[in-house]
Amino acid sequence: MKQALLILSVLGMGVAQTSGAAETTFQSNNTLSHTITNITTSANYGSSRNIYSTNSGAYVSSNDEISQAIDNLSAHAKQKEYQLASLTNRLSYEQRQQKVSSVPDRYSAPAIAAANASRVALSSSTGYCARYVRKALQSAGYEFTPNPSAYQYASRGTLSQAGFSKISNNMQPQVGDVVVYDRSSNRPHGHIQIFDGNDWVSDFRQNDISPYSGVHNYTTWRDARYVDDASDRGIYLAMADK
């Protein structure tokens, strides 16, 4: 900022040589009256100047200096925004770290779905596993669009959208876990089932986790509210895909 004793001496011209002057007066905290005048000078003088005058003198700065000051303020605001985002992420992470994984109680959605499936399960398969498990899940409050085939509850992301997370097939099953078998040439619709705490049930009560003989590919899904944290879910997913 350049200091000048008089506005006219700084500009090197008379008031008559200026055009487009606009003046704004405001009261500062120390009761000094500040007058800010923007004066556009003639073409042979150069760029605009901003004159800040007070009862103690006059100060002149170029538009470039003002633009730089605005840029500095913008950069400072952006830095504060980044700091706030960082604090928010840290708080979210700490909350996840403090979360304790728990087993669903009898009033939870996974337990209700499993109980309803278990109550209507038949003694032998009717070929409608997708219908039975779908109704059990919906009765517990899970929302999703029904699929015509069992395998599509995994392949189309239906369980994921309903609030389930894929976990390792090696994890100890808990009430409400859902298993989806891939389709094959012999079983084009695949298979879906839910764990009631004791047995795997679909449209019928199964003797084992697999309703088939031999080895078949499947994925295991658990209500995401009963999975530890996001990092663990990533580990489970990697293990399940091996």
Protein backbone atom coordinates (compact mmCIF):
# COMPACT_ATOMS: atom_id res chain seq x y z
CA MET A 1 0.00 0.00 0.00
CA LYS A 2 1.39 3.36 -0.96
CA GLN A 3 0.74 6.30 1.30
CA ALA A 4 0.03 9.72 -0.13
CA LEU A 5 -0.76 12.99 1.54
CA LEU A 6 -3.32 14.00 -0.98
CA ILE A 7 -5.46 11.97 -3.37
CA LEU A 8 -4.79 14.35 -6.23
CA SER A 9 -1.03 14.22 -5.77
CA VAL A 10 -1.08 10.41 -5.85
CA LEU A 11 -3.09 10.23 -9.00
CA GLY A 12 -1.14 12.98 -10.68
CA MET A 13 -4.25 14.50 -12.16
CA GLY A 14 -7.27 16.57 -11.32
CA VAL A 15 -10.60 15.27 -10.36
CA ALA A 16 -11.81 16.27 -13.79
CA GLN A 17 -9.57 13.59 -15.35
CA THR A 18 -11.39 10.76 -13.60
CA SER A 19 -14.66 9.07 -14.42
CA GLY A 20 -17.06 6.53 -12.89
CA ALA A 21 -16.33 7.43 -9.25
CA ALA A 22 -18.37 5.56 -6.67
CA GLU A 23 -18.14 6.39 -2.97
CA THR A 24 -19.18 4.36 0.07
CA THR A 25 -18.90 5.58 3.66
CA PHE A 26 -19.05 3.32 6.74
CA GLN A 27 -18.30 3.63 10.45
CA SER A 28 -15.40 1.60 11.91
CA ASN A 29 -15.07 0.29 15.43
CA ASN A 30 -12.87 3.23 16.46
CA THR A 31 -15.49 5.67 15.10
CA LEU A 32 -13.21 6.85 12.29
CA SER A 33 -15.10 7.61 9.12
CA HIS A 34 -13.54 5.77 6.17
CA THR A 35 -14.32 6.72 2.62
CA ILE A 36 -13.61 4.19 -0.14
CA THR A 37 -13.57 5.64 -3.62
CA ASN A 38 -13.01 3.63 -6.78
CA ILE A 39 -11.74 5.85 -9.55
CA THR A 40 -11.23 4.75 -13.14
CA THR A 41 -8.57 6.94 -14.68
CA SER A 42 -8.11 7.97 -18.26
CA ALA A 43 -6.50 5.57 -20.76
CA ASN A 44 -3.13 7.31 -20.69
CA TYR A 45 -2.85 6.89 -16.93
CA GLY A 46 -3.22 3.11 -16.55
CA SER A 47 -5.34 0.71 -14.49
CA SER A 48 -7.92 1.43 -11.84
CA ARG A 49 -6.85 2.48 -8.36
CA ASN A 50 -8.66 2.04 -5.09
CA ILE A 51 -8.21 4.96 -2.70
CA TYR A 52 -8.79 4.36 1.00
CA SER A 53 -8.96 7.68 2.84
CA THR A 54 -9.34 8.37 6.55
CA ASN A 55 -8.96 11.41 8.71
CA SER A 56 -5.36 10.35 9.31
CA GLY A 57 -4.30 10.14 5.66
CA ALA A 58 -4.89 8.39 2.36
CA TYR A 59 -3.79 4.94 1.15
CA VAL A 60 -3.74 3.70 -2.42
CA SER A 61 -3.60 0.10 -3.64
CA SER A 62 -3.92 -1.42 -7.09
CA ASN A 63 -6.68 -3.80 -8.13
CA ASP A 64 -4.02 -6.51 -8.44
CA GLU A 65 -3.20 -6.16 -4.75
CA ILE A 66 -6.88 -6.38 -3.82
CA SER A 67 -7.31 -9.45 -6.03
CA GLN A 68 -4.31 -11.04 -4.32
CA ALA A 69 -5.83 -10.33 -0.91
CA ILE A 70 -9.11 -11.96 -1.99
CA ASP A 71 -7.19 -14.99 -3.28
CA ASN A 72 -5.38 -15.27 0.05
CA LEU A 73 -8.68 -15.19 1.94
CA SER A 74 -10.15 -17.81 -0.40
CA ALA A 75 -7.13 -20.07 0.12
CA HIS A 76 -7.43 -19.65 3.89
CA ALA A 77 -11.13 -20.57 3.77
CA LYS A 78 -10.33 -23.63 1.66
CA GLN A 79 -7.71 -24.73 4.18
CA LYS A 80 -10.27 -24.48 6.98
CA GLU A 81 -12.68 -26.54 4.89
CA TYR A 82 -10.07 -29.27 4.48
CA GLN A 83 -9.35 -29.23 8.21
CA LEU A 84 -13.07 -29.61 9.01
CA ALA A 85 -13.40 -32.51 6.56
CA SER A 86 -10.36 -34.18 8.12
CA LEU A 87 -11.82 -33.83 11.62
CA THR A 88 -15.15 -35.22 10.43
CA ASN A 89 -13.47 -38.26 8.87
CA ARG A 90 -11.43 -38.84 12.02
CA LEU A 91 -14.53 -38.68 14.21
CA SER A 92 -16.33 -41.14 11.95
CA TYR A 93 -13.36 -43.52 12.07
CA GLU A 94 -13.12 -43.35 15.86
CA GLN A 95 -16.85 -44.04 16.18
CA ARG A 96 -16.47 -47.13 14.01
CA GLN A 97 -13.48 -48.26 16.07
CA GLN A 98 -15.53 -47.95 19.26
CA LYS A 99 -18.45 -49.91 17.83
CA VAL A 100 -18.80 -53.32 19.43
CA SER A 101 -20.01 -56.12 17.20
CA SER A 102 -23.01 -57.84 18.77
CA VAL A 103 -25.14 -60.88 18.09
CA PRO A 104 -28.68 -60.01 16.99
CA ASP A 105 -31.26 -60.41 19.77
CA ARG A 106 -34.70 -61.93 19.23
CA TYR A 107 -36.20 -58.54 18.38
CA SER A 108 -33.67 -57.66 15.70
CA ALA A 109 -34.44 -57.82 11.97
CA PRO A 110 -32.08 -60.76 11.28
CA ALA A 111 -33.61 -62.83 14.10
CA ILE A 112 -37.19 -62.01 13.06
CA ALA A 113 -36.49 -62.98 9.44
CA ALA A 114 -34.85 -66.24 10.50
CA ALA A 115 -37.68 -67.11 12.90
CA ASN A 116 -40.32 -66.48 10.26
CA ALA A 117 -38.45 -68.59 7.71
CA SER A 118 -38.01 -71.39 10.22
CA ARG A 119 -41.68 -71.36 11.20
CA VAL A 120 -42.96 -71.98 7.65
CA ALA A 121 -40.14 -74.22 6.39
CA LEU A 122 -41.31 -77.55 4.99
CA SER A 123 -39.80 -80.99 5.44
CA SER A 124 -38.59 -81.21 1.85
CA SER A 125 -37.85 -78.85 -1.02
CA THR A 126 -40.60 -77.50 -3.25
CA GLY A 127 -38.24 -75.53 -5.49
CA TYR A 128 -39.39 -72.15 -4.15
CA CYS A 129 -36.47 -71.22 -1.90
CA ALA A 130 -36.28 -67.65 -3.28
CA ARG A 131 -39.94 -67.02 -2.49
CA TYR A 132 -39.73 -68.34 1.07
CA VAL A 133 -36.55 -66.49 2.01
CA ARG A 134 -37.70 -63.30 0.29
CA LYS A 135 -40.95 -63.27 2.29
CA ALA A 136 -39.06 -63.92 5.52
CA LEU A 137 -36.70 -61.01 4.89
CA GLN A 138 -39.50 -58.64 3.93
CA SER A 139 -41.50 -59.60 7.00
CA ALA A 140 -38.58 -58.35 9.10
CA GLY A 141 -38.53 -54.97 7.40
CA TYR A 142 -35.85 -55.43 4.76
CA GLU A 143 -36.73 -53.49 1.62
CA PHE A 144 -35.74 -54.62 -1.87
CA THR A 145 -37.14 -55.58 -5.26
CA PRO A 146 -37.84 -59.34 -5.49
CA ASN A 147 -35.89 -61.41 -7.99
CA PRO A 148 -37.21 -64.38 -9.96
CA SER A 149 -34.10 -66.50 -9.27
CA ALA A 150 -32.29 -67.18 -6.01
CA TYR A 151 -28.76 -66.49 -7.31
CA GLN A 152 -29.79 -62.95 -8.36
CA TYR A 153 -30.06 -61.83 -4.74
CA ALA A 154 -26.26 -61.83 -4.77
CA SER A 155 -25.43 -61.14 -8.41
CA ARG A 156 -27.77 -58.16 -8.73
CA GLY A 157 -26.69 -56.59 -5.44
CA THR A 158 -30.14 -57.02 -3.91
CA LEU A 159 -28.90 -58.14 -0.50
CA SER A 160 -26.31 -55.39 -0.47
CA GLN A 161 -28.96 -52.77 -1.19
CA ALA A 162 -31.14 -54.25 1.56
CA GLY A 163 -28.36 -53.62 4.10
CA PHE A 164 -26.32 -56.82 4.02
CA SER A 165 -22.55 -57.14 3.71
CA LYS A 166 -20.71 -60.07 2.18
CA ILE A 167 -18.52 -61.86 4.72
CA SER A 168 -16.16 -64.82 4.67
CA ASN A 169 -17.68 -68.24 4.17
CA ASN A 170 -15.35 -69.41 6.95
CA MET A 171 -16.96 -67.25 9.63
CA GLN A 172 -19.10 -68.87 12.29
CA PRO A 173 -22.72 -68.37 11.17
CA GLN A 174 -25.05 -66.32 13.34
CA VAL A 175 -28.81 -65.92 13.30
CA GLY A 176 -30.05 -64.11 10.21
CA ASP A 177 -27.06 -64.86 7.96
CA VAL A 178 -28.03 -65.53 4.35
CA VAL A 179 -26.20 -67.82 1.94
CA VAL A 180 -26.66 -67.62 -1.83
CA TYR A 181 -25.46 -70.40 -4.14
CA ASP A 182 -24.38 -69.59 -7.69
CA ARG A 183 -26.38 -70.97 -10.56
CA SER A 184 -25.05 -73.89 -12.56
CA SER A 185 -26.03 -75.88 -15.62
CA ASN A 186 -27.95 -78.31 -13.43
CA ARG A 187 -29.45 -75.62 -11.18
CA PRO A 188 -30.10 -72.51 -13.31
CA HIS A 189 -31.78 -70.60 -10.47
CA GLY A 190 -29.17 -71.25 -7.80
CA HIS A 191 -30.29 -71.41 -4.17
CA ILE A 192 -30.83 -69.10 -1.18
CA GLN A 193 -31.17 -69.93 2.53
CA ILE A 194 -31.10 -68.29 5.96
CA PHE A 195 -29.66 -69.42 9.32
CA ASP A 196 -32.14 -69.58 12.21
CA GLY A 197 -29.53 -70.06 14.91
CA ASN A 198 -29.56 -73.84 14.67
CA ASP A 199 -30.25 -74.85 11.08
CA TRP A 200 -30.15 -73.50 7.56
CA VAL A 201 -33.66 -73.09 6.18
CA SER A 202 -35.08 -72.05 2.83
CA ASP A 203 -38.40 -73.46 1.64
CA PHE A 204 -37.46 -76.51 3.72
CA ARG A 205 -35.33 -77.29 6.76
CA GLN A 206 -31.92 -78.44 5.56
CA ASN A 207 -29.67 -81.04 7.12
CA ASP A 208 -26.52 -79.08 6.33
CA ILE A 209 -25.34 -75.74 4.99
CA SER A 210 -25.42 -77.17 1.49
CA PRO A 211 -28.60 -78.65 0.04
CA TYR A 212 -26.49 -80.31 -2.65
CA SER A 213 -23.96 -83.09 -2.80
CA GLY A 214 -20.50 -82.15 -3.94
CA VAL A 215 -18.82 -78.73 -3.94
CA HIS A 216 -20.66 -75.61 -5.10
CA ASN A 217 -19.78 -71.93 -5.01
CA TYR A 218 -21.69 -69.66 -2.66
CA THR A 219 -21.46 -66.34 -0.81
CA THR A 220 -22.42 -65.51 2.77
CA TRP A 221 -24.22 -62.30 3.73
CA ARG A 222 -24.81 -60.67 7.10
CA ASP A 223 -26.81 -57.62 8.17
CA ALA A 224 -24.19 -54.86 8.04
CA ARG A 225 -25.23 -53.58 11.48
CA TYR A 226 -23.80 -56.76 12.96
CA VAL A 227 -20.48 -56.71 11.12
CA ASP A 228 -17.51 -55.10 12.86
CA ASP A 229 -16.06 -52.16 10.90
CA ALA A 230 -15.48 -51.36 7.25
CA SER A 231 -11.90 -52.65 7.29
CA ASP A 232 -13.06 -56.04 8.57
CA ARG A 233 -15.72 -56.21 5.88
CA GLY A 234 -13.00 -55.64 3.30
CA ILE A 235 -10.97 -58.52 4.74
CA TYR A 236 -14.00 -60.80 4.78
CA LEU A 237 -14.81 -59.91 1.20
CA ALA A 238 -11.26 -60.67 0.05
CA MET A 239 -11.33 -64.01 1.86
CA ALA A 240 -14.72 -64.92 0.39
CA ASP A 241 -13.52 -64.21 -3.13
CA LYS A 242 -10.54 -66.59 -2.89
